[in-house]
Amino acid sequence: MLLLFEKGASRAIASPHDGDGELHIAFAIPAAELAKWEQWLATNRIEVEEKRKWELGGWSLYFRDPDRHLLELATPGVWSVY
């Protein structure tokens, strides 16, 4: 589940979840989908800032949204719990 809030709106309900500045959000994807995502990003002219292979065998693709938030697509093997 991904929850999105209008900037500043969550303060009205005394919530600590109002992010400020450039944020990082990671999405888990199956390893078999990595190439499809790379192609989709290229087709849509979205620059991949980094593609990283992790010690446990997983991969991460990093790119930015229009508000400069860092988005990550992560396959299994990125973290010890995933």
PDB file of N, CA and C in Angstrom:
ATOM      1  N   MET A   1       0.838  -1.147   0.000  1.00  0.00           N
ATOM      2  CA  MET A   1       0.000   0.000   0.000  1.00  0.00           C
ATOM      3  C   MET A   1       0.898   1.229   0.000  1.00  0.00           C
ATOM      4  N   LEU A   2       0.582   2.193  -0.825  1.00  0.00           N
ATOM      5  CA  LEU A   2       1.300   3.452  -0.882  1.00  0.00           C
ATOM      6  C   LEU A   2       0.319   4.563  -0.537  1.00  0.00           C
ATOM      7  N   LEU A   3       0.630   5.308   0.491  1.00  0.00           N
ATOM      8  CA  LEU A   3      -0.197   6.438   0.882  1.00  0.00           C
ATOM      9  C   LEU A   3       0.482   7.720   0.452  1.00  0.00           C
ATOM     10  N   LEU A   4      -0.255   8.598  -0.171  1.00  0.00           N
ATOM     11  CA  LEU A   4       0.262   9.898  -0.602  1.00  0.00           C
ATOM     12  C   LEU A   4      -0.564  10.989   0.060  1.00  0.00           C
ATOM     13  N   PHE A   5       0.104  12.027   0.510  1.00  0.00           N
ATOM     14  CA  PHE A   5      -0.572  13.136   1.172  1.00  0.00           C
ATOM     15  C   PHE A   5      -0.182  14.438   0.501  1.00  0.00           C
ATOM     16  N   GLU A   6      -1.108  15.363   0.433  1.00  0.00           N
ATOM     17  CA  GLU A   6      -0.796  16.696  -0.045  1.00  0.00           C
ATOM     18  C   GLU A   6       0.175  17.335   0.941  1.00  0.00           C
ATOM     19  N   LYS A   7       1.230  17.980   0.414  1.00  0.00           N
ATOM     20  CA  LYS A   7       2.247  18.577   1.267  1.00  0.00           C
ATOM     21  C   LYS A   7       1.599  19.533   2.266  1.00  0.00           C
ATOM     22  N   GLY A   8       1.879  19.311   3.537  1.00  0.00           N
ATOM     23  CA  GLY A   8       1.371  20.155   4.594  1.00  0.00           C
ATOM     24  C   GLY A   8       0.006  19.750   5.128  1.00  0.00           C
ATOM     25  N   ALA A   9      -0.716  18.928   4.377  1.00  0.00           N
ATOM     26  CA  ALA A   9      -2.088  18.567   4.776  1.00  0.00           C
ATOM     27  C   ALA A   9      -2.121  17.646   5.988  1.00  0.00           C
ATOM     28  N   SER A  10      -1.110  16.808   6.159  1.00  0.00           N
ATOM     29  CA  SER A  10      -1.166  15.858   7.279  1.00  0.00           C
ATOM     30  C   SER A  10      -0.901  16.539   8.618  1.00  0.00           C
ATOM     31  N   ARG A  11      -0.367  17.731   8.610  1.00  0.00           N
ATOM     32  CA  ARG A  11      -0.144  18.454   9.868  1.00  0.00           C
ATOM     33  C   ARG A  11      -1.453  18.811  10.560  1.00  0.00           C
ATOM     34  N   ALA A  12      -2.494  18.934   9.763  1.00  0.00           N
ATOM     35  CA  ALA A  12      -3.790  19.307  10.332  1.00  0.00           C
ATOM     36  C   ALA A  12      -4.328  18.235  11.266  1.00  0.00           C
ATOM     37  N   ILE A  13      -3.843  17.011  11.107  1.00  0.00           N
ATOM     38  CA  ILE A  13      -4.305  15.925  11.974  1.00  0.00           C
ATOM     39  C   ILE A  13      -3.177  15.458  12.906  1.00  0.00           C
ATOM     40  N   ALA A  14      -2.206  16.290  13.119  1.00  0.00           N
ATOM     41  CA  ALA A  14      -1.093  16.025  14.030  1.00  0.00           C
ATOM     42  C   ALA A  14      -0.351  14.734  13.684  1.00  0.00           C
ATOM     43  N   SER A  15      -0.020  14.565  12.400  1.00  0.00           N
ATOM     44  CA  SER A  15       0.682  13.369  11.941  1.00  0.00           C
ATOM     45  C   SER A  15       2.154  13.684  11.674  1.00  0.00           C
ATOM     46  N   PRO A  16       3.067  12.761  12.017  1.00  0.00           N
ATOM     47  CA  PRO A  16       4.494  12.980  11.760  1.00  0.00           C
ATOM     48  C   PRO A  16       4.910  12.540  10.358  1.00  0.00           C
ATOM     49  N   HIS A  17       3.979  12.250   9.464  1.00  0.00           N
ATOM     50  CA  HIS A  17       4.310  11.660   8.173  1.00  0.00           C
ATOM     51  C   HIS A  17       4.432  12.663   7.033  1.00  0.00           C
ATOM     52  N   ASP A  18       4.541  13.911   7.309  1.00  0.00           N
ATOM     53  CA  ASP A  18       4.638  14.916   6.262  1.00  0.00           C
ATOM     54  C   ASP A  18       6.109  15.079   5.861  1.00  0.00           C
ATOM     55  N   GLY A  19       6.507  14.476   4.737  1.00  0.00           N
ATOM     56  CA  GLY A  19       7.881  14.569   4.261  1.00  0.00           C
ATOM     57  C   GLY A  19       8.202  15.960   3.736  1.00  0.00           C
ATOM     58  N   ASP A  20       9.451  16.314   3.798  1.00  0.00           N
ATOM     59  CA  ASP A  20       9.887  17.612   3.309  1.00  0.00           C
ATOM     60  C   ASP A  20      11.181  17.411   2.534  1.00  0.00           C
ATOM     61  N   GLY A  21      11.293  18.044   1.385  1.00  0.00           N
ATOM     62  CA  GLY A  21      12.492  17.907   0.575  1.00  0.00           C
ATOM     63  C   GLY A  21      12.425  16.667  -0.299  1.00  0.00           C
ATOM     64  N   GLU A  22      13.573  16.298  -0.850  1.00  0.00           N
ATOM     65  CA  GLU A  22      13.648  15.128  -1.714  1.00  0.00           C
ATOM     66  C   GLU A  22      13.622  13.866  -0.857  1.00  0.00           C
ATOM     67  N   LEU A  23      12.711  12.951  -1.184  1.00  0.00           N
ATOM     68  CA  LEU A  23      12.527  11.727  -0.418  1.00  0.00           C
ATOM     69  C   LEU A  23      12.956  10.516  -1.232  1.00  0.00           C
ATOM     70  N   HIS A  24      13.110   9.373  -0.578  1.00  0.00           N
ATOM     71  CA  HIS A  24      13.452   8.113  -1.228  1.00  0.00           C
ATOM     72  C   HIS A  24      12.331   7.122  -0.980  1.00  0.00           C
ATOM     73  N   ILE A  25      11.866   6.495  -2.067  1.00  0.00           N
ATOM     74  CA  ILE A  25      10.809   5.505  -1.982  1.00  0.00           C
ATOM     75  C   ILE A  25      11.270   4.290  -2.781  1.00  0.00           C
ATOM     76  N   ALA A  26      11.179   3.101  -2.192  1.00  0.00           N
ATOM     77  CA  ALA A  26      11.570   1.875  -2.880  1.00  0.00           C
ATOM     78  C   ALA A  26      10.345   1.002  -3.140  1.00  0.00           C
ATOM     79  N   PHE A  27      10.311   0.386  -4.304  1.00  0.00           N
ATOM     80  CA  PHE A  27       9.254  -0.542  -4.682  1.00  0.00           C
ATOM     81  C   PHE A  27       9.885  -1.895  -4.976  1.00  0.00           C
ATOM     82  N   ALA A  28       9.331  -2.948  -4.409  1.00  0.00           N
ATOM     83  CA  ALA A  28       9.809  -4.305  -4.656  1.00  0.00           C
ATOM     84  C   ALA A  28       9.246  -4.802  -5.983  1.00  0.00           C
ATOM     85  N   ILE A  29      10.122  -5.390  -6.794  1.00  0.00           N
ATOM     86  CA  ILE A  29       9.696  -5.986  -8.059  1.00  0.00           C
ATOM     87  C   ILE A  29      10.326  -7.376  -8.171  1.00  0.00           C
ATOM     88  N   PRO A  30       9.705  -8.292  -8.910  1.00  0.00           N
ATOM     89  CA  PRO A  30      10.333  -9.591  -9.139  1.00  0.00           C
ATOM     90  C   PRO A  30      11.573  -9.417 -10.019  1.00  0.00           C
ATOM     91  N   ALA A  31      12.589 -10.235  -9.796  1.00  0.00           N
ATOM     92  CA  ALA A  31      13.820 -10.152 -10.591  1.00  0.00           C
ATOM     93  C   ALA A  31      13.528 -10.296 -12.082  1.00  0.00           C
ATOM     94  N   ALA A  32      12.563 -11.132 -12.430  1.00  0.00           N
ATOM     95  CA  ALA A  32      12.224 -11.347 -13.833  1.00  0.00           C
ATOM     96  C   ALA A  32      11.645 -10.106 -14.509  1.00  0.00           C
ATOM     97  N   GLU A  33      11.223  -9.113 -13.741  1.00  0.00           N
ATOM     98  CA  GLU A  33      10.631  -7.889 -14.285  1.00  0.00           C
ATOM     99  C   GLU A  33      11.645  -6.762 -14.481  1.00  0.00           C
ATOM    100  N   LEU A  34      12.875  -6.941 -14.038  1.00  0.00           N
ATOM    101  CA  LEU A  34      13.869  -5.861 -14.090  1.00  0.00           C
ATOM    102  C   LEU A  34      14.083  -5.348 -15.515  1.00  0.00           C
ATOM    103  N   ALA A  35      14.296  -6.228 -16.471  1.00  0.00           N
ATOM    104  CA  ALA A  35      14.538  -5.811 -17.857  1.00  0.00           C
ATOM    105  C   ALA A  35      13.339  -5.070 -18.435  1.00  0.00           C
ATOM    106  N   LYS A  36      12.117  -5.516 -18.103  1.00  0.00           N
ATOM    107  CA  LYS A  36      10.908  -4.822 -18.580  1.00  0.00           C
ATOM    108  C   LYS A  36      10.861  -3.394 -18.038  1.00  0.00           C
ATOM    109  N   TRP A  37      11.213  -3.230 -16.754  1.00  0.00           N
ATOM    110  CA  TRP A  37      11.209  -1.896 -16.161  1.00  0.00           C
ATOM    111  C   TRP A  37      12.285  -1.014 -16.792  1.00  0.00           C
ATOM    112  N   GLU A  38      13.463  -1.584 -17.036  1.00  0.00           N
ATOM    113  CA  GLU A  38      14.515  -0.798 -17.695  1.00  0.00           C
ATOM    114  C   GLU A  38      14.041  -0.326 -19.062  1.00  0.00           C
ATOM    115  N   GLN A  39      13.392  -1.195 -19.816  1.00  0.00           N
ATOM    116  CA  GLN A  39      12.884  -0.822 -21.133  1.00  0.00           C
ATOM    117  C   GLN A  39      11.794   0.236 -21.022  1.00  0.00           C
ATOM    118  N   TRP A  40      10.900   0.078 -20.045  1.00  0.00           N
ATOM    119  CA  TRP A  40       9.821   1.058 -19.862  1.00  0.00           C
ATOM    120  C   TRP A  40      10.387   2.439 -19.540  1.00  0.00           C
ATOM    121  N   LEU A  41      11.368   2.477 -18.643  1.00  0.00           N
ATOM    122  CA  LEU A  41      11.991   3.753 -18.287  1.00  0.00           C
ATOM    123  C   LEU A  41      12.659   4.382 -19.503  1.00  0.00           C
ATOM    124  N   ALA A  42      13.381   3.585 -20.298  1.00  0.00           N
ATOM    125  CA  ALA A  42      14.049   4.101 -21.500  1.00  0.00           C
ATOM    126  C   ALA A  42      13.030   4.608 -22.523  1.00  0.00           C
ATOM    127  N   THR A  43      11.974   3.840 -22.736  1.00  0.00           N
ATOM    128  CA  THR A  43      10.925   4.231 -23.691  1.00  0.00           C
ATOM    129  C   THR A  43      10.282   5.552 -23.285  1.00  0.00           C
ATOM    130  N   ASN A  44      10.133   5.766 -21.998  1.00  0.00           N
ATOM    131  CA  ASN A  44       9.507   6.989 -21.492  1.00  0.00           C
ATOM    132  C   ASN A  44      10.520   8.088 -21.175  1.00  0.00           C
ATOM    133  N   ARG A  45      11.742   7.888 -21.628  1.00  0.00           N
ATOM    134  CA  ARG A  45      12.832   8.871 -21.481  1.00  0.00           C
ATOM    135  C   ARG A  45      13.058   9.291 -20.034  1.00  0.00           C
ATOM    136  N   ILE A  46      13.014   8.303 -19.158  1.00  0.00           N
ATOM    137  CA  ILE A  46      13.284   8.539 -17.749  1.00  0.00           C
ATOM    138  C   ILE A  46      14.696   8.039 -17.472  1.00  0.00           C
ATOM    139  N   GLU A  47      15.557   8.943 -17.066  1.00  0.00           N
ATOM    140  CA  GLU A  47      16.962   8.617 -16.860  1.00  0.00           C
ATOM    141  C   GLU A  47      17.156   7.756 -15.614  1.00  0.00           C
ATOM    142  N   VAL A  48      17.849   6.658 -15.785  1.00  0.00           N
ATOM    143  CA  VAL A  48      18.243   5.827 -14.647  1.00  0.00           C
ATOM    144  C   VAL A  48      19.532   6.424 -14.097  1.00  0.00           C
ATOM    145  N   GLU A  49      19.496   6.879 -12.846  1.00  0.00           N
ATOM    146  CA  GLU A  49      20.680   7.474 -12.233  1.00  0.00           C
ATOM    147  C   GLU A  49      21.713   6.430 -11.881  1.00  0.00           C
ATOM    148  N   GLU A  50      21.243   5.251 -11.474  1.00  0.00           N
ATOM    149  CA  GLU A  50      22.171   4.200 -11.091  1.00  0.00           C
ATOM    150  C   GLU A  50      21.480   2.855 -11.180  1.00  0.00           C
ATOM    151  N   LYS A  51      22.245   1.855 -11.608  1.00  0.00           N
ATOM    152  CA  LYS A  51      21.823   0.457 -11.530  1.00  0.00           C
ATOM    153  C   LYS A  51      22.885  -0.221 -10.677  1.00  0.00           C
ATOM    154  N   ARG A  52      22.459  -0.820  -9.574  1.00  0.00           N
ATOM    155  CA  ARG A  52      23.418  -1.370  -8.612  1.00  0.00           C
ATOM    156  C   ARG A  52      23.107  -2.833  -8.320  1.00  0.00           C
ATOM    157  N   LYS A  53      24.156  -3.652  -8.351  1.00  0.00           N
ATOM    158  CA  LYS A  53      24.042  -5.051  -7.935  1.00  0.00           C
ATOM    159  C   LYS A  53      24.520  -5.139  -6.494  1.00  0.00           C
ATOM    160  N   TRP A  54      23.730  -5.779  -5.636  1.00  0.00           N
ATOM    161  CA  TRP A  54      24.023  -5.888  -4.224  1.00  0.00           C
ATOM    162  C   TRP A  54      24.700  -7.216  -3.889  1.00  0.00           C
ATOM    163  N   GLU A  55      25.361  -7.249  -2.752  1.00  0.00           N
ATOM    164  CA  GLU A  55      26.097  -8.436  -2.293  1.00  0.00           C
ATOM    165  C   GLU A  55      25.259  -9.706  -2.280  1.00  0.00           C
ATOM    166  N   LEU A  56      23.993  -9.576  -1.937  1.00  0.00           N
ATOM    167  CA  LEU A  56      23.110 -10.740  -1.821  1.00  0.00           C
ATOM    168  C   LEU A  56      22.500 -11.142  -3.157  1.00  0.00           C
ATOM    169  N   GLY A  57      22.903 -10.467  -4.245  1.00  0.00           N
ATOM    170  CA  GLY A  57      22.451 -10.832  -5.583  1.00  0.00           C
ATOM    171  C   GLY A  57      21.328  -9.998  -6.153  1.00  0.00           C
ATOM    172  N   GLY A  58      20.732  -9.131  -5.363  1.00  0.00           N
ATOM    173  CA  GLY A  58      19.641  -8.285  -5.852  1.00  0.00           C
ATOM    174  C   GLY A  58      20.144  -7.102  -6.654  1.00  0.00           C
ATOM    175  N   TRP A  59      19.221  -6.496  -7.367  1.00  0.00           N
ATOM    176  CA  TRP A  59      19.507  -5.294  -8.163  1.00  0.00           C
ATOM    177  C   TRP A  59      18.603  -4.156  -7.737  1.00  0.00           C
ATOM    178  N   SER A  60      19.111  -2.925  -7.864  1.00  0.00           N
ATOM    179  CA  SER A  60      18.312  -1.718  -7.663  1.00  0.00           C
ATOM    180  C   SER A  60      18.473  -0.810  -8.866  1.00  0.00           C
ATOM    181  N   LEU A  61      17.369  -0.240  -9.314  1.00  0.00           N
ATOM    182  CA  LEU A  61      17.378   0.818 -10.324  1.00  0.00           C
ATOM    183  C   LEU A  61      16.920   2.087  -9.629  1.00  0.00           C
ATOM    184  N   TYR A  62      17.668   3.171  -9.809  1.00  0.00           N
ATOM    185  CA  TYR A  62      17.332   4.442  -9.176  1.00  0.00           C
ATOM    186  C   TYR A  62      17.027   5.481 -10.249  1.00  0.00           C
ATOM    187  N   PHE A  63      15.950   6.232 -10.055  1.00  0.00           N
ATOM    188  CA  PHE A  63      15.573   7.316 -10.960  1.00  0.00           C
ATOM    189  C   PHE A  63      14.773   8.339 -10.169  1.00  0.00           C
ATOM    190  N   ARG A  64      14.510   9.483 -10.764  1.00  0.00           N
ATOM    191  CA  ARG A  64      13.810  10.583 -10.072  1.00  0.00           C
ATOM    192  C   ARG A  64      12.424  10.816 -10.665  1.00  0.00           C
ATOM    193  N   ASP A  65      11.509  11.227  -9.803  1.00  0.00           N
ATOM    194  CA  ASP A  65      10.203  11.657 -10.293  1.00  0.00           C
ATOM    195  C   ASP A  65      10.287  13.156 -10.601  1.00  0.00           C
ATOM    196  N   PRO A  66       9.223  13.745 -11.150  1.00  0.00           N
ATOM    197  CA  PRO A  66       9.288  15.175 -11.504  1.00  0.00           C
ATOM    198  C   PRO A  66       9.576  16.108 -10.321  1.00  0.00           C
ATOM    199  N   ASP A  67       9.287  15.673  -9.092  1.00  0.00           N
ATOM    200  CA  ASP A  67       9.582  16.498  -7.915  1.00  0.00           C
ATOM    201  C   ASP A  67      10.949  16.200  -7.322  1.00  0.00           C
ATOM    202  N   ARG A  68      11.754  15.404  -8.030  1.00  0.00           N
ATOM    203  CA  ARG A  68      13.128  15.065  -7.659  1.00  0.00           C
ATOM    204  C   ARG A  68      13.231  14.050  -6.526  1.00  0.00           C
ATOM    205  N   HIS A  69      12.130  13.357  -6.204  1.00  0.00           N
ATOM    206  CA  HIS A  69      12.197  12.279  -5.225  1.00  0.00           C
ATOM    207  C   HIS A  69      12.943  11.109  -5.868  1.00  0.00           C
ATOM    208  N   LEU A  70      13.768  10.431  -5.084  1.00  0.00           N
ATOM    209  CA  LEU A  70      14.520   9.290  -5.580  1.00  0.00           C
ATOM    210  C   LEU A  70      13.653   8.040  -5.476  1.00  0.00           C
ATOM    211  N   LEU A  71      13.369   7.420  -6.618  1.00  0.00           N
ATOM    212  CA  LEU A  71      12.575   6.203  -6.662  1.00  0.00           C
ATOM    213  C   LEU A  71      13.498   5.032  -6.943  1.00  0.00           C
ATOM    214  N   GLU A  72      13.226   3.918  -6.302  1.00  0.00           N
ATOM    215  CA  GLU A  72      14.043   2.725  -6.445  1.00  0.00           C
ATOM    216  C   GLU A  72      13.155   1.537  -6.770  1.00  0.00           C
ATOM    217  N   LEU A  73      13.566   0.754  -7.750  1.00  0.00           N
ATOM    218  CA  LEU A  73      12.951  -0.530  -8.026  1.00  0.00           C
ATOM    219  C   LEU A  73      13.950  -1.564  -7.545  1.00  0.00           C
ATOM    220  N   ALA A  74      13.534  -2.426  -6.619  1.00  0.00           N
ATOM    221  CA  ALA A  74      14.449  -3.360  -5.969  1.00  0.00           C
ATOM    222  C   ALA A  74      13.971  -4.793  -6.151  1.00  0.00           C
ATOM    223  N   THR A  75      14.903  -5.662  -6.576  1.00  0.00           N
ATOM    224  CA  THR A  75      14.587  -7.080  -6.728  1.00  0.00           C
ATOM    225  C   THR A  75      14.978  -7.825  -5.456  1.00  0.00           C
ATOM    226  N   PRO A  76      14.483  -9.042  -5.276  1.00  0.00           N
ATOM    227  CA  PRO A  76      14.912  -9.835  -4.127  1.00  0.00           C
ATOM    228  C   PRO A  76      16.432  -9.968  -4.087  1.00  0.00           C
ATOM    229  N   GLY A  77      16.985  -9.926  -2.876  1.00  0.00           N
ATOM    230  CA  GLY A  77      18.432 -10.001  -2.701  1.00  0.00           C
ATOM    231  C   GLY A  77      19.068  -8.657  -2.448  1.00  0.00           C
ATOM    232  N   VAL A  78      18.237  -7.630  -2.283  1.00  0.00           N
ATOM    233  CA  VAL A  78      18.762  -6.294  -1.966  1.00  0.00           C
ATOM    234  C   VAL A  78      19.031  -6.178  -0.472  1.00  0.00           C
ATOM    235  N   TRP A  79      18.104  -6.684   0.334  1.00  0.00           N
ATOM    236  CA  TRP A  79      18.239  -6.661   1.788  1.00  0.00           C
ATOM    237  C   TRP A  79      18.221  -8.086   2.316  1.00  0.00           C
ATOM    238  N   SER A  80      18.697  -8.300   3.508  1.00  0.00           N
ATOM    239  CA  SER A  80      18.685  -9.652   4.078  1.00  0.00           C
ATOM    240  C   SER A  80      17.277 -10.175   4.307  1.00  0.00           C
ATOM    241  N   VAL A  81      16.296  -9.288   4.432  1.00  0.00           N
ATOM    242  CA  VAL A  81      14.908  -9.702   4.645  1.00  0.00           C
ATOM    243  C   VAL A  81      14.106  -9.728   3.361  1.00  0.00           C
ATOM    244  N   TYR A  82      14.743  -9.379   2.233  1.00  0.00           N
ATOM    245  CA  TYR A  82      14.049  -9.382   0.938  1.00  0.00           C
ATOM    246  C   TYR A  82      15.009  -9.800  -0.139  1.00  0.00           C
TER     247      TYR A  82
END
